Amino acid sequence: MPAVVLTQHLTKWYGPRRAVSDVSFAIEPGEIVGLLGPNGSGKSTIFRILTGYLAPSEGRVEVTGRDVVRDSLAVRQAISYVPEDAPLYDHMRVTEFLHFMARIKGLRGAAKKSAVERAAERLDLSRVMGLPTGKLSRGFRQRVSIASALLGDPKVLVLDEPTSGLDPHQVIAVRDLVRSLAGSHTVLIASHILSEIEKIASRVMILLDGRLLTADALKESASVLALRLTTAAPEPAIRAALTAVAGIRKIGPDPDAITDRYLIEAERLPSLSTNIVAALVGHGVALSELTEMPPNLEKVFLDLTRRPAKKAPAQAGEEGSKEAA
């Protein structure tokens, strides 16, 4: 199945500064893909290129098989973008704004009315439909912006910090909404909150200084096995017992525990847990617990982004505080 979003050697220069450097990735139909990176890593620039706000300096970008430069109008009909700042016409009431945006997207008559009602219901906007958008809280402004993006049933939805400014209940509602779009829509999402991305995305890409470090961080996090060991034995005894167990990379105290708990980082090998238990018992070490921990996206993110980036002719930095992490 052809990719619905495709970038090949995408590069973007702002004068002498390179914001995006030779980035290539493909997103399949129905995927929910997270895009992570520190401030200034190039995420917003990539989003703006995908949605037709900016032109690439080099490389090729396609959305639904159409080139974002040569077929810009067709691309914009297939994609919706929700930037972090949720730009709205403050003088318009919510219902007026949504009907206006629906008309821009080519909806008329009963189809327009139905689309607005459906989007308002999905984002729980009924109580604010008669209010001017300029009077809304940041959370409701964000929800109106997302509702607007859903009008016209776009094939691709690009969300830049969609839960920014939302309360916990609203965050959960947006999370559930994005999950519900999987399969019927393709979603590319950026967020500061790694735990939210981990719960929503089927795949996570990580950028640093405009370079793509990995196209599947979740796969990388799952490739390393993390085990939590609880025992009253001293650390030297544990290390001595596990020296001969193949696949163990690291042993150390659990930083979240006061005593008697250790973390083991290892390769995913058959019967590894069994071998660890046998080695400990064989050395007279009594254990209370050996538990496999879920993959840790935060650890992968920090490990990758703390590594020195390869030097480029100019470093990214054009977006400053506007670039979402």
Protein backbone atom coordinates (compact mmCIF):
# COMPACT_ATOMS: atom_id res chain seq x y z
CA MET A 1 0.00 0.00 0.00
CA PRO A 2 1.50 3.39 -0.99
CA ALA A 3 2.43 5.83 1.76
CA VAL A 4 -0.08 8.62 2.42
CA VAL A 5 2.74 10.95 3.57
CA LEU A 6 6.20 10.67 2.04
CA THR A 7 9.32 12.81 2.45
CA GLN A 8 12.53 12.12 0.55
CA HIS A 9 15.70 13.98 1.52
CA LEU A 10 13.67 16.93 2.81
CA THR A 11 15.81 19.95 3.62
CA LYS A 12 14.76 23.46 4.59
CA TRP A 13 17.04 26.49 4.82
CA TYR A 14 16.24 29.84 6.43
CA GLY A 15 18.94 31.99 4.91
CA PRO A 16 22.24 30.55 6.19
CA ARG A 17 20.54 28.33 8.79
CA ARG A 18 19.41 24.79 8.06
CA ALA A 19 16.21 23.94 9.96
CA VAL A 20 15.59 20.48 8.46
CA SER A 21 18.39 18.31 7.11
CA ASP A 22 17.91 15.40 4.69
CA VAL A 23 14.82 13.96 6.40
CA SER A 24 13.14 10.93 4.80
CA PHE A 25 10.17 8.99 6.17
CA ALA A 26 6.93 7.35 5.05
CA ILE A 27 3.59 7.17 6.86
CA GLU A 28 1.08 4.51 5.92
CA PRO A 29 -2.69 5.09 5.69
CA GLY A 30 -4.41 4.92 9.07
CA GLU A 31 -1.25 5.30 11.16
CA ILE A 32 -1.01 7.60 14.17
CA VAL A 33 2.59 8.80 14.25
CA GLY A 34 4.17 10.93 16.97
CA LEU A 35 6.90 13.43 16.15
CA LEU A 36 9.16 14.33 19.08
CA GLY A 37 12.19 16.54 19.50
CA PRO A 38 13.62 19.33 21.67
CA ASN A 39 12.74 22.96 20.97
CA GLY A 40 14.16 24.06 17.62
CA SER A 41 14.48 20.52 16.24
CA GLY A 42 12.43 21.24 13.10
CA LYS A 43 9.05 19.69 13.91
CA SER A 44 6.93 22.76 13.15
CA THR A 45 8.89 23.41 9.96
CA ILE A 46 8.11 19.89 8.74
CA PHE A 47 4.43 20.35 9.63
CA ARG A 48 4.28 23.64 7.72
CA ILE A 49 5.89 22.09 4.66
CA LEU A 50 3.48 19.13 4.71
CA THR A 51 0.50 21.47 4.92
CA GLY A 52 1.63 23.91 2.21
CA TYR A 53 2.58 26.87 4.41
CA LEU A 54 6.25 26.57 3.43
CA ALA A 55 8.07 25.18 0.42
CA PRO A 56 11.00 22.78 0.88
CA SER A 57 14.45 24.03 -0.10
CA GLU A 58 15.47 20.56 -1.28
CA GLY A 59 13.95 17.12 -1.54
CA ARG A 60 10.48 15.83 -2.34
CA VAL A 61 7.33 15.79 -0.20
CA GLU A 62 4.09 14.05 -1.12
CA VAL A 63 0.71 13.83 0.60
CA THR A 64 -1.79 11.27 -0.76
CA GLY A 65 0.54 10.83 -3.73
CA ARG A 66 0.56 14.51 -4.69
CA ASP A 67 3.55 16.82 -4.60
CA VAL A 68 3.15 19.59 -1.99
CA VAL A 69 4.66 22.18 -4.35
CA ARG A 70 3.23 21.22 -7.75
CA ASP A 71 -0.19 20.10 -6.45
CA SER A 72 -0.49 22.40 -3.46
CA LEU A 73 -4.26 22.95 -3.68
CA ALA A 74 -5.02 19.21 -3.93
CA VAL A 75 -2.73 18.55 -0.94
CA ARG A 76 -4.46 21.18 1.16
CA GLN A 77 -7.83 19.62 0.35
CA ALA A 78 -6.57 16.30 1.74
CA ILE A 79 -4.87 17.55 4.90
CA SER A 80 -5.88 19.59 7.96
CA TYR A 81 -3.48 21.34 10.31
CA VAL A 82 -3.99 22.38 13.94
CA PRO A 83 -1.05 24.59 15.01
CA GLU A 84 -0.24 25.04 18.67
CA ASP A 85 -1.57 28.61 18.85
CA ALA A 86 -5.11 27.63 17.65
CA PRO A 87 -5.67 30.68 15.40
CA LEU A 88 -9.34 31.70 15.32
CA TYR A 89 -11.35 34.76 14.20
CA ASP A 90 -12.05 36.25 17.61
CA HIS A 91 -15.08 38.30 16.52
CA MET A 92 -16.93 35.21 15.24
CA ARG A 93 -19.14 33.05 17.39
CA VAL A 94 -18.12 29.41 17.51
CA THR A 95 -21.04 28.30 15.34
CA GLU A 96 -20.31 31.05 12.80
CA PHE A 97 -16.64 30.12 12.68
CA LEU A 98 -17.31 26.40 12.14
CA HIS A 99 -19.91 27.09 9.42
CA PHE A 100 -17.49 29.53 7.77
CA MET A 101 -14.67 26.96 7.79
CA ALA A 102 -17.04 24.29 6.46
CA ARG A 103 -17.93 26.55 3.52
CA ILE A 104 -14.24 27.15 2.80
CA LYS A 105 -13.83 23.37 2.62
CA GLY A 106 -16.60 23.14 0.02
CA LEU A 107 -19.45 21.92 2.21
CA ARG A 108 -22.93 23.27 1.51
CA GLY A 109 -26.50 22.86 2.74
CA ALA A 110 -27.36 19.78 4.78
CA ALA A 111 -23.83 18.37 4.42
CA LYS A 112 -22.37 21.52 5.99
CA LYS A 113 -24.88 21.54 8.85
CA SER A 114 -24.31 17.85 9.57
CA ALA A 115 -20.51 18.20 9.50
CA VAL A 116 -20.56 21.14 11.94
CA GLU A 117 -22.93 19.35 14.33
CA ARG A 118 -20.83 16.18 14.23
CA ALA A 119 -17.57 18.04 14.88
CA ALA A 120 -19.12 20.09 17.71
CA GLU A 121 -20.44 16.94 19.34
CA ARG A 122 -17.11 15.11 19.09
CA LEU A 123 -15.33 18.02 20.79
CA ASP A 124 -18.12 18.70 23.34
CA LEU A 125 -18.69 22.30 22.21
CA SER A 126 -22.48 22.56 22.67
CA ARG A 127 -22.30 24.98 25.63
CA VAL A 128 -20.01 27.47 23.83
CA MET A 129 -21.46 27.45 20.29
CA GLY A 130 -23.05 30.87 20.82
CA LEU A 131 -19.97 32.54 22.33
CA PRO A 132 -17.39 34.62 20.43
CA THR A 133 -14.19 32.62 19.99
CA GLY A 134 -12.24 35.54 21.47
CA LYS A 135 -14.01 34.97 24.81
CA LEU A 136 -13.10 31.29 25.05
CA SER A 137 -10.54 29.76 27.39
CA ARG A 138 -7.37 28.36 25.85
CA GLY A 139 -8.74 24.84 26.24
CA PHE A 140 -11.96 25.59 24.37
CA ARG A 141 -10.06 27.49 21.67
CA GLN A 142 -7.97 24.38 21.13
CA ARG A 143 -11.06 22.21 20.89
CA VAL A 144 -12.71 24.57 18.38
CA SER A 145 -9.55 24.48 16.27
CA ILE A 146 -9.55 20.67 16.26
CA ALA A 147 -13.26 20.61 15.40
CA SER A 148 -12.54 22.93 12.48
CA ALA A 149 -9.79 20.61 11.26
CA LEU A 150 -12.15 17.63 11.22
CA LEU A 151 -14.62 19.39 8.90
CA GLY A 152 -14.53 17.92 5.42
CA ASP A 153 -13.24 14.57 6.68
CA PRO A 154 -9.54 15.10 5.76
CA LYS A 155 -7.43 12.05 4.98
CA VAL A 156 -4.48 13.43 6.96
CA LEU A 157 -4.63 15.36 10.23
CA VAL A 158 -1.58 17.22 11.57
CA LEU A 159 -1.76 18.19 15.25
CA ASP A 160 0.90 20.39 16.86
CA GLU A 161 0.54 20.19 20.67
CA PRO A 162 -3.22 19.44 20.57
CA THR A 163 -3.54 19.05 24.36
CA SER A 164 -1.70 22.25 25.24
CA GLY A 165 -3.71 24.21 27.80
CA LEU A 166 -6.33 21.51 28.33
CA ASP A 167 -7.42 20.26 31.73
CA PRO A 168 -7.02 16.53 32.55
CA HIS A 169 -10.58 15.65 31.46
CA GLN A 170 -10.10 17.47 28.15
CA VAL A 171 -6.73 15.79 27.61
CA ILE A 172 -8.37 12.37 28.00
CA ALA A 173 -11.18 13.39 25.61
CA VAL A 174 -8.71 14.54 22.93
CA ARG A 175 -6.65 11.37 23.43
CA ASP A 176 -9.74 9.23 22.92
CA LEU A 177 -10.70 11.28 19.86
CA VAL A 178 -7.30 10.83 18.23
CA ARG A 179 -7.40 7.10 18.94
CA SER A 180 -10.82 6.90 17.31
CA LEU A 181 -9.36 8.38 14.12
CA ALA A 182 -6.91 5.49 13.66
CA GLY A 183 -7.63 3.53 10.52
CA SER A 184 -10.03 6.05 8.97
CA HIS A 185 -7.53 8.94 9.12
CA THR A 186 -3.77 9.29 9.14
CA VAL A 187 -2.58 11.43 12.07
CA LEU A 188 0.79 13.10 12.64
CA ILE A 189 1.03 14.55 16.15
CA ALA A 190 3.61 16.45 18.20
CA SER A 191 3.46 16.89 21.97
CA HIS A 192 5.62 17.87 24.92
CA ILE A 193 4.03 15.07 26.92
CA LEU A 194 5.83 11.84 26.06
CA SER A 195 3.40 9.72 28.05
CA GLU A 196 0.52 11.04 25.93
CA ILE A 197 2.34 10.21 22.69
CA GLU A 198 3.12 6.75 24.05
CA LYS A 199 -0.59 6.15 24.70
CA ILE A 200 -1.76 7.49 21.33
CA ALA A 201 0.83 6.77 18.67
CA SER A 202 1.51 3.50 16.90
CA ARG A 203 4.96 4.81 15.94
CA VAL A 204 7.19 7.64 17.17
CA MET A 205 9.81 9.58 15.19
CA ILE A 206 12.47 11.68 16.95
CA LEU A 207 14.22 14.76 15.56
CA LEU A 208 17.32 16.55 16.79
CA ASP A 209 18.82 19.67 15.15
CA GLY A 210 16.72 19.07 12.05
CA ARG A 211 17.88 15.46 11.60
CA LEU A 212 15.71 12.38 11.95
CA LEU A 213 17.29 10.16 14.61
CA THR A 214 14.79 7.33 14.43
CA ALA A 215 11.57 6.61 12.54
CA ASP A 216 10.36 4.13 15.18
CA ALA A 217 11.41 4.94 18.75
CA LEU A 218 8.75 2.63 20.19
CA LYS A 219 10.37 -0.30 18.41
CA GLU A 220 13.74 0.74 19.80
CA SER A 221 12.34 0.99 23.32
CA ALA A 222 10.77 -2.46 22.97
CA SER A 223 14.05 -4.01 21.79
CA VAL A 224 15.59 -3.54 25.26
CA LEU A 225 14.19 -5.57 28.16
CA ALA A 226 13.89 -3.78 31.51
CA LEU A 227 13.38 -5.89 34.65
CA ARG A 228 12.74 -4.80 38.22
CA LEU A 229 14.35 -7.03 40.85
CA THR A 230 13.37 -6.87 44.52
CA THR A 231 15.74 -8.57 46.96
CA ALA A 232 17.37 -7.86 50.31
CA ALA A 233 20.75 -9.04 48.99
CA PRO A 234 23.51 -6.42 48.58
CA GLU A 235 24.36 -5.18 45.09
CA PRO A 236 27.79 -6.93 44.94
CA ALA A 237 26.11 -10.29 45.57
CA ILE A 238 23.60 -9.64 42.79
CA ARG A 239 26.31 -8.66 40.34
CA ALA A 240 28.37 -11.73 41.22
CA ALA A 241 25.36 -13.99 40.68
CA LEU A 242 24.43 -12.50 37.30
CA THR A 243 27.92 -12.15 35.80
CA ALA A 244 27.58 -15.30 33.71
CA VAL A 245 23.99 -14.64 32.49
CA ALA A 246 24.11 -13.81 28.77
CA GLY A 247 22.31 -10.68 27.54
CA ILE A 248 22.51 -8.50 30.65
CA ARG A 249 23.75 -5.01 29.83
CA LYS A 250 23.33 -3.07 33.05
CA ILE A 251 22.48 -3.57 36.73
CA GLY A 252 21.85 -0.76 39.20
CA PRO A 253 19.67 0.46 42.08
CA ASP A 254 16.15 1.58 41.18
CA PRO A 255 16.27 5.39 41.53
CA ASP A 256 12.57 5.45 42.50
CA ALA A 257 13.04 3.04 45.42
CA ILE A 258 14.73 3.57 48.81
CA THR A 259 16.20 0.07 49.26
CA ASP A 260 16.02 -3.54 48.10
CA ARG A 261 15.09 -2.81 44.48
CA TYR A 262 17.24 -2.92 41.38
CA LEU A 263 16.83 -2.37 37.65
CA ILE A 264 18.27 -4.77 35.10
CA GLU A 265 18.64 -3.75 31.46
CA ALA A 266 19.10 -6.63 29.04
CA GLU A 267 18.67 -7.91 25.52
CA ARG A 268 15.42 -9.71 24.71
CA LEU A 269 16.67 -13.29 24.74
CA PRO A 270 14.65 -16.50 25.18
CA SER A 271 14.35 -17.70 28.80
CA LEU A 272 16.28 -14.69 30.10
CA SER A 273 14.08 -14.25 33.19
CA THR A 274 14.36 -17.97 33.94
CA ASN A 275 18.15 -17.79 33.64
CA ILE A 276 18.29 -14.79 35.98
CA VAL A 277 16.19 -16.53 38.63
CA ALA A 278 18.28 -19.72 38.36
CA ALA A 279 21.53 -17.77 38.68
CA LEU A 280 20.32 -15.86 41.75
CA VAL A 281 19.01 -18.97 43.49
CA GLY A 282 22.18 -20.85 42.58
CA HIS A 283 24.22 -18.19 44.39
CA GLY A 284 21.96 -18.21 47.43
CA VAL A 285 20.32 -14.89 46.65
CA ALA A 286 16.66 -14.82 47.75
CA LEU A 287 14.45 -12.66 45.56
CA SER A 288 10.98 -11.31 46.29
CA GLU A 289 10.10 -10.07 42.79
CA LEU A 290 11.32 -10.11 39.20
CA THR A 291 9.00 -8.07 36.97
CA GLU A 292 9.28 -7.01 33.33
CA MET A 293 8.72 -3.28 32.96
CA PRO A 294 6.92 -1.71 29.98
CA PRO A 295 9.00 -0.12 27.18
CA ASN A 296 10.29 3.29 28.21
CA LEU A 297 9.90 5.90 25.45
CA GLU A 298 11.23 8.63 27.75
CA LYS A 299 14.53 6.78 28.20
CA VAL A 300 14.95 6.25 24.45
CA PHE A 301 14.13 9.92 23.81
CA LEU A 302 16.64 11.18 26.37
CA ASP A 303 19.36 8.75 25.26
CA LEU A 304 19.02 9.80 21.61
CA THR A 305 18.68 13.54 22.12
CA ARG A 306 21.59 13.73 24.58
CA ARG A 307 23.98 12.37 21.99
CA PRO A 308 25.95 15.04 20.12
CA ALA A 309 24.30 15.72 16.77
CA LYS A 310 26.43 15.54 13.63
CA LYS A 311 27.67 18.93 12.61
CA ALA A 312 25.93 20.53 9.65
CA PRO A 313 26.89 23.67 7.68
CA ALA A 314 24.43 25.53 9.88
CA GLN A 315 22.42 24.43 12.86
CA ALA A 316 18.65 24.56 13.26
CA GLY A 317 17.29 27.28 15.47
CA GLU A 318 15.02 29.41 13.40
CA GLU A 319 11.94 28.59 15.37
CA GLY A 320 13.19 29.27 18.88
CA SER A 321 10.46 29.18 21.46
CA LYS A 322 7.80 28.61 18.78
CA GLU A 323 9.08 25.10 18.09
CA ALA A 324 7.18 22.54 20.15
CA ALA A 325 9.09 19.89 21.99
